[in-house]
Amino acid sequence: SGKFDEALSEYTRLKANPHGIPGQVISVAIAKLNEAQGKNTEAVELYFGVANDPLWRSTPLGIRAATRLSVLAPEKFETLPELQAASPFAASGTPFNP
């Protein structure tokens, strides 16, 4: 639990001053930590925020967030918009696997 808390603290600090890292990337990383700690409600909200963002929905990160959402909260997954044509971020070459 100590390492998770330490990592969460670092991601929270990074989210406040992201140094150019997209907030959605940080949100998914925090969601993964929350999920690992059994804090699924918090994880679902973060995953939903990324998966529901029209600029990120069709990116690998948005798809990953939607996939986790489909497992943790299928009812919330059902409220997501359909995938659209790729967003400008989809082909940016930025790694989206925090």
Protein backbone atom coordinates (compact mmCIF):
# COMPACT_ATOMS: atom_id res chain seq x y z
CA SER A 1 0.00 0.00 0.00
CA GLY A 2 2.89 2.36 0.71
CA LYS A 3 4.23 2.18 -2.85
CA PHE A 4 0.75 2.78 -4.28
CA ASP A 5 0.29 5.80 -2.02
CA GLU A 6 3.70 7.12 -3.02
CA ALA A 7 2.94 6.67 -6.72
CA LEU A 8 -0.48 8.30 -6.31
CA SER A 9 1.15 11.25 -4.58
CA GLU A 10 3.64 11.63 -7.44
CA TYR A 11 0.92 11.42 -10.12
CA THR A 12 -1.21 13.93 -8.22
CA ARG A 13 1.73 16.30 -8.04
CA LEU A 14 2.40 15.74 -11.75
CA LYS A 15 -1.25 16.43 -12.60
CA ALA A 16 -0.96 19.82 -10.86
CA ASN A 17 2.14 20.67 -12.94
CA PRO A 18 2.15 18.28 -15.91
CA HIS A 19 5.19 19.60 -17.80
CA GLY A 20 3.43 19.03 -21.12
CA ILE A 21 2.11 15.55 -20.31
CA PRO A 22 -1.58 15.35 -21.27
CA GLY A 23 -3.85 15.21 -18.24
CA GLN A 24 -5.64 12.21 -19.72
CA VAL A 25 -2.44 10.17 -19.64
CA ILE A 26 -1.99 11.03 -15.98
CA SER A 27 -5.67 10.29 -15.26
CA VAL A 28 -5.39 6.78 -16.71
CA ALA A 29 -2.24 6.14 -14.67
CA ILE A 30 -4.06 7.25 -11.51
CA ALA A 31 -7.07 5.14 -12.48
CA LYS A 32 -4.84 2.08 -12.81
CA LEU A 33 -3.43 2.72 -9.33
CA ASN A 34 -6.92 3.15 -7.90
CA GLU A 35 -8.07 -0.05 -9.58
CA ALA A 36 -5.09 -1.97 -8.19
CA GLN A 37 -6.04 -0.77 -4.72
CA GLY A 38 -9.69 -1.78 -5.15
CA LYS A 39 -10.85 1.84 -5.40
CA ASN A 40 -13.02 1.07 -8.39
CA THR A 41 -15.39 4.03 -7.98
CA GLU A 42 -12.48 6.45 -8.32
CA ALA A 43 -11.00 4.45 -11.19
CA VAL A 44 -14.32 4.40 -13.06
CA GLU A 45 -14.67 8.18 -12.85
CA LEU A 46 -11.17 8.71 -14.24
CA TYR A 47 -11.56 6.13 -16.99
CA PHE A 48 -14.93 7.63 -17.92
CA GLY A 49 -13.46 11.11 -18.12
CA VAL A 50 -10.88 9.97 -20.67
CA ALA A 51 -13.16 7.62 -22.62
CA ASN A 52 -15.87 10.29 -22.85
CA ASP A 53 -13.51 13.02 -24.09
CA PRO A 54 -14.18 13.46 -27.84
CA LEU A 55 -10.53 14.28 -28.56
CA TRP A 56 -9.31 11.15 -26.81
CA ARG A 57 -12.11 8.60 -27.37
CA SER A 58 -10.61 7.12 -30.55
CA THR A 59 -6.99 7.12 -29.35
CA PRO A 60 -5.34 4.01 -27.93
CA LEU A 61 -5.57 5.61 -24.48
CA GLY A 62 -9.28 6.39 -24.87
CA ILE A 63 -9.99 2.90 -26.15
CA ARG A 64 -8.06 1.42 -23.23
CA ALA A 65 -10.02 3.57 -20.77
CA ALA A 66 -13.29 2.49 -22.41
CA THR A 67 -12.24 -1.16 -22.23
CA ARG A 68 -11.51 -0.93 -18.51
CA LEU A 69 -14.79 0.92 -18.05
CA SER A 70 -16.66 -1.90 -19.82
CA VAL A 71 -15.31 -4.32 -17.22
CA LEU A 72 -15.70 -2.16 -14.10
CA ALA A 73 -18.93 -0.32 -14.92
CA PRO A 74 -20.72 -1.74 -17.98
CA GLU A 75 -23.69 0.54 -17.37
CA LYS A 76 -21.45 3.61 -17.60
CA PHE A 77 -19.67 2.19 -20.65
CA GLU A 78 -23.04 2.00 -22.41
CA THR A 79 -23.42 5.78 -22.08
CA LEU A 80 -20.22 6.51 -24.04
CA PRO A 81 -20.56 7.93 -27.54
CA GLU A 82 -19.73 5.68 -30.46
CA LEU A 83 -16.18 5.78 -31.74
CA GLN A 84 -15.74 8.45 -34.38
CA ALA A 85 -13.03 9.00 -36.94
CA ALA A 86 -9.62 9.22 -35.33
CA SER A 87 -8.90 12.30 -33.28
CA PRO A 88 -5.89 14.49 -34.07
CA PHE A 89 -4.08 12.74 -31.22
CA ALA A 90 -4.59 9.24 -32.60
CA ALA A 91 -1.69 9.41 -35.03
CA SER A 92 0.54 11.73 -33.02
CA GLY A 93 3.05 9.04 -32.17
CA THR A 94 2.75 9.89 -28.48
CA PRO A 95 2.84 6.75 -26.33
CA PHE A 96 -0.47 6.34 -24.54
CA ASN A 97 0.32 3.41 -22.31
CA PRO A 98 1.05 4.78 -18.84
